[in-house]
C-alpha atoms as a PDB file:
ATOM      1  CA  UNK A   1      98.543  96.903 118.571  1.00  0.00           C
ATOM      2  CA  UNK A   2      99.774  93.528 117.476  1.00  0.00           C
ATOM      3  CA  UNK A   3     103.296  92.358 118.651  1.00  0.00           C
ATOM      4  CA  UNK A   4     105.131  89.481 116.901  1.00  0.00           C
ATOM      5  CA  UNK A   5     108.674  88.246 117.502  1.00  0.00           C
ATOM      6  CA  UNK A   6     110.119  87.955 113.915  1.00  0.00           C
ATOM      7  CA  UNK A   7     113.562  88.366 112.452  1.00  0.00           C
ATOM      8  CA  UNK A   8     112.759  90.485 109.426  1.00  0.00           C
ATOM      9  CA  UNK A   9     114.042  93.608 107.745  1.00  0.00           C
ATOM     10  CA  UNK A  10     112.051  96.755 107.262  1.00  0.00           C
ATOM     11  CA  UNK A  11     112.828  96.575 103.510  1.00  0.00           C
ATOM     12  CA  UNK A  12     111.169  93.210 103.349  1.00  0.00           C
ATOM     13  CA  UNK A  13     108.044  94.750 104.946  1.00  0.00           C
ATOM     14  CA  UNK A  14     108.131  97.517 102.486  1.00  0.00           C
ATOM     15  CA  UNK A  15     108.190  95.145  99.506  1.00  0.00           C
ATOM     16  CA  UNK A  16     105.272  93.133 100.957  1.00  0.00           C
ATOM     17  CA  UNK A  17     103.096  96.301 101.234  1.00  0.00           C
ATOM     18  CA  UNK A  18     104.074  97.447  97.865  1.00  0.00           C
ATOM     19  CA  UNK A  19     103.141  94.087  96.342  1.00  0.00           C
ATOM     20  CA  UNK A  20      99.697  94.640  97.910  1.00  0.00           C
ATOM     21  CA  UNK A  21      99.212  97.898  96.454  1.00  0.00           C
ATOM     22  CA  UNK A  22     100.147 100.052  99.541  1.00  0.00           C
ATOM     23  CA  UNK A  23     102.067 103.429  99.417  1.00  0.00           C
ATOM     24  CA  UNK A  24     104.438 104.326 102.129  1.00  0.00           C
ATOM     25  CA  UNK A  25     103.540 107.691 103.774  1.00  0.00           C
ATOM     26  CA  UNK A  26     106.042 110.604 103.579  1.00  0.00           C
ATOM     27  CA  UNK A  27     105.096 112.873 106.405  1.00  0.00           C
ATOM     28  CA  UNK A  28     105.675 116.536 106.511  1.00  0.00           C
ATOM     29  CA  UNK A  29     106.003 118.209 109.921  1.00  0.00           C
ATOM     30  CA  UNK A  30     104.658 115.040 111.565  1.00  0.00           C
ATOM     31  CA  UNK A  31     101.467 114.802 109.602  1.00  0.00           C
ATOM     32  CA  UNK A  32      99.987 114.100 106.036  1.00  0.00           C
ATOM     33  CA  UNK A  33      96.669 114.392 104.386  1.00  0.00           C
ATOM     34  CA  UNK A  34      95.363 111.781 102.035  1.00  0.00           C
ATOM     35  CA  UNK A  35      92.681 112.942  99.626  1.00  0.00           C
ATOM     36  CA  UNK A  36      90.491 110.167  97.973  1.00  0.00           C
ATOM     37  CA  UNK A  37      87.091 109.640  96.425  1.00  0.00           C
ATOM     38  CA  UNK A  38      84.469 108.327  98.735  1.00  0.00           C
ATOM     39  CA  UNK A  39      81.202 107.101  97.224  1.00  0.00           C
ATOM     40  CA  UNK A  40      79.594 110.618  97.174  1.00  0.00           C
ATOM     41  CA  UNK A  41      82.552 112.940  96.625  1.00  0.00           C
ATOM     42  CA  UNK A  42      86.059 113.761  97.585  1.00  0.00           C
ATOM     43  CA  UNK A  43      87.235 113.664 101.133  1.00  0.00           C
ATOM     44  CA  UNK A  44      90.398 113.626 103.100  1.00  0.00           C
ATOM     45  CA  UNK A  45      92.024 111.848 106.073  1.00  0.00           C
ATOM     46  CA  UNK A  46      94.685 113.314 108.229  1.00  0.00           C
ATOM     47  CA  UNK A  47      97.360 110.908 109.445  1.00  0.00           C
ATOM     48  CA  UNK A  48      99.681 111.753 112.353  1.00  0.00           C
ATOM     49  CA  UNK A  49     103.239 110.423 112.403  1.00  0.00           C
ATOM     50  CA  UNK A  50     103.987 107.831 115.231  1.00  0.00           C
ATOM     51  CA  UNK A  51     107.692 108.223 116.048  1.00  0.00           C
ATOM     52  CA  UNK A  52     109.594 104.923 115.154  1.00  0.00           C
ATOM     53  CA  UNK A  53     106.791 103.590 112.878  1.00  0.00           C
ATOM     54  CA  UNK A  54     106.538 103.385 109.095  1.00  0.00           C
ATOM     55  CA  UNK A  55     103.020 103.983 107.750  1.00  0.00           C
ATOM     56  CA  UNK A  56     101.507 102.431 104.702  1.00  0.00           C
ATOM     57  CA  UNK A  57      98.130 103.090 103.149  1.00  0.00           C
ATOM     58  CA  UNK A  58      95.987 102.040 100.186  1.00  0.00           C
ATOM     59  CA  UNK A  59      92.456 102.969  98.953  1.00  0.00           C
ATOM     60  CA  UNK A  60      89.935 100.175  99.576  1.00  0.00           C
ATOM     61  CA  UNK A  61      86.414  99.392  98.686  1.00  0.00           C
ATOM     62  CA  UNK A  62      84.214 102.485  98.140  1.00  0.00           C
ATOM     63  CA  UNK A  63      87.242 104.814  98.635  1.00  0.00           C
ATOM     64  CA  UNK A  64      87.987 103.779 102.068  1.00  0.00           C
ATOM     65  CA  UNK A  65      91.531 104.195 103.344  1.00  0.00           C
ATOM     66  CA  UNK A  66      93.347 101.118 104.802  1.00  0.00           C
ATOM     67  CA  UNK A  67      96.325 102.104 107.020  1.00  0.00           C
ATOM     68  CA  UNK A  68      99.140 100.145 108.753  1.00  0.00           C
ATOM     69  CA  UNK A  69     101.605 101.615 111.218  1.00  0.00           C
ATOM     70  CA  UNK A  70     104.543  99.299 111.509  1.00  0.00           C
ATOM     71  CA  UNK A  71     107.702  99.311 113.689  1.00  0.00           C
ATOM     72  CA  UNK A  72     110.490  96.675 114.041  1.00  0.00           C
ATOM     73  CA  UNK A  73     112.892  96.974 117.050  1.00  0.00           C
ATOM     74  CA  UNK A  74     115.159  94.327 118.486  1.00  0.00           C
ATOM     75  CA  UNK A  75     113.419  91.464 116.665  1.00  0.00           C
ATOM     76  CA  UNK A  76     109.773  92.461 117.690  1.00  0.00           C
ATOM     77  CA  UNK A  77     107.393  93.751 115.028  1.00  0.00           C
ATOM     78  CA  UNK A  78     104.703  95.925 116.292  1.00  0.00           C
ATOM     79  CA  UNK A  79     101.764  97.035 114.085  1.00  0.00           C
ATOM     80  CA  UNK A  80      98.398  98.756 114.179  1.00  0.00           C
ATOM     81  CA  UNK A  81      95.991  98.461 111.220  1.00  0.00           C
ATOM     82  CA  UNK A  82      92.883 100.437 110.767  1.00  0.00           C
ATOM     83  CA  UNK A  83      90.521 102.458 108.462  1.00  0.00           C
ATOM     84  CA  UNK A  84      90.589 106.105 109.556  1.00  0.00           C
ATOM     85  CA  UNK A  85      87.607 108.384 109.506  1.00  0.00           C
ATOM     86  CA  UNK A  86      88.251 112.103 110.216  1.00  0.00           C
ATOM     87  CA  UNK A  87      85.278 113.729 111.695  1.00  0.00           C
ATOM     88  CA  UNK A  88      84.673 117.425 111.588  1.00  0.00           C
ATOM     89  CA  UNK A  89      88.136 117.979 110.547  1.00  0.00           C
ATOM     90  CA  UNK A  90      89.795 117.391 113.876  1.00  0.00           C
ATOM     91  CA  UNK A  91      88.730 114.007 115.438  1.00  0.00           C
ATOM     92  CA  UNK A  92      90.310 110.846 113.942  1.00  0.00           C
ATOM     93  CA  UNK A  93      88.548 107.568 114.498  1.00  0.00           C
ATOM     94  CA  UNK A  94      90.383 104.353 113.786  1.00  0.00           C
ATOM     95  CA  UNK A  95      87.963 101.642 112.820  1.00  0.00           C
ATOM     96  CA  UNK A  96      89.232  98.150 113.278  1.00  0.00           C
ATOM     97  CA  UNK A  97      88.932  95.555 110.593  1.00  0.00           C
ATOM     98  CA  UNK A  98      85.964  93.021 110.838  1.00  0.00           C
ATOM     99  CA  UNK A  99      85.428  89.627 109.398  1.00  0.00           C
ATOM    100  CA  UNK A 100      81.684  90.293 108.743  1.00  0.00           C
ATOM    101  CA  UNK A 101      80.781  93.989 108.804  1.00  0.00           C
ATOM    102  CA  UNK A 102      77.305  95.329 108.302  1.00  0.00           C
ATOM    103  CA  UNK A 103      76.073  97.803 105.699  1.00  0.00           C
ATOM    104  CA  UNK A 104      78.298 100.546 104.505  1.00  0.00           C
ATOM    105  CA  UNK A 105      81.319  99.089 106.354  1.00  0.00           C
ATOM    106  CA  UNK A 106      82.207  96.563 103.615  1.00  0.00           C
ATOM    107  CA  UNK A 107      85.730  98.011 103.373  1.00  0.00           C
ATOM    108  CA  UNK A 108      86.473  96.631 106.941  1.00  0.00           C
ATOM    109  CA  UNK A 109      86.172  93.132 105.552  1.00  0.00           C
ATOM    110  CA  UNK A 110      88.736  93.959 102.844  1.00  0.00           C
ATOM    111  CA  UNK A 111      91.044  95.189 105.691  1.00  0.00           C
ATOM    112  CA  UNK A 112      90.387  91.999 107.545  1.00  0.00           C
ATOM    113  CA  UNK A 113      91.476  89.916 104.546  1.00  0.00           C
ATOM    114  CA  UNK A 114      94.642  91.936 104.101  1.00  0.00           C
ATOM    115  CA  UNK A 115      95.426  91.588 107.779  1.00  0.00           C
ATOM    116  CA  UNK A 116      95.049  87.771 107.588  1.00  0.00           C
ATOM    117  CA  UNK A 117      97.452  87.786 104.559  1.00  0.00           C
ATOM    118  CA  UNK A 118      99.965  89.919 106.455  1.00  0.00           C
ATOM    119  CA  UNK A 119      99.819  87.602 109.432  1.00  0.00           C
ATOM    120  CA  UNK A 120     100.349  84.559 107.172  1.00  0.00           C
ATOM    121  CA  UNK A 121     103.272  86.390 105.512  1.00  0.00           C
ATOM    122  CA  UNK A 122     104.878  87.030 108.898  1.00  0.00           C
ATOM    123  CA  UNK A 123     104.366  83.459 110.039  1.00  0.00           C
ATOM    124  CA  UNK A 124     106.058  82.195 106.708  1.00  0.00           C
ATOM    125  CA  UNK A 125     109.220  84.372 107.296  1.00  0.00           C
ATOM    126  CA  UNK A 126     109.490  83.508 110.929  1.00  0.00           C
ATOM    127  CA  UNK A 127     109.467  79.756 110.372  1.00  0.00           C
END
């Protein structure tokens, strides 16, 4: 998880994510399922709500899902960003973004670029 001291409203964060093509997750009973097309067919990812966090997602390269969990409390923004993979319908793996991923993991590079843009945005509003 990343922690940044910044004076920013959650509505400003929402606007930034929407401009980047993200959707805010609306949980039902603490979880949601995102169905999407992944190179060879449809698949789904289960996301579990983290109390106090807003979750945003978008479909990335090859149908991958890019997720951000974001919380703002007392001037501290905390966020986690990852690409989820749901194995066997019960085990969620959170893959971290990478600058130079190999093979089929090209979507991690897209996530890395978005994370750099988000970091630049946060620096610009905290200056």
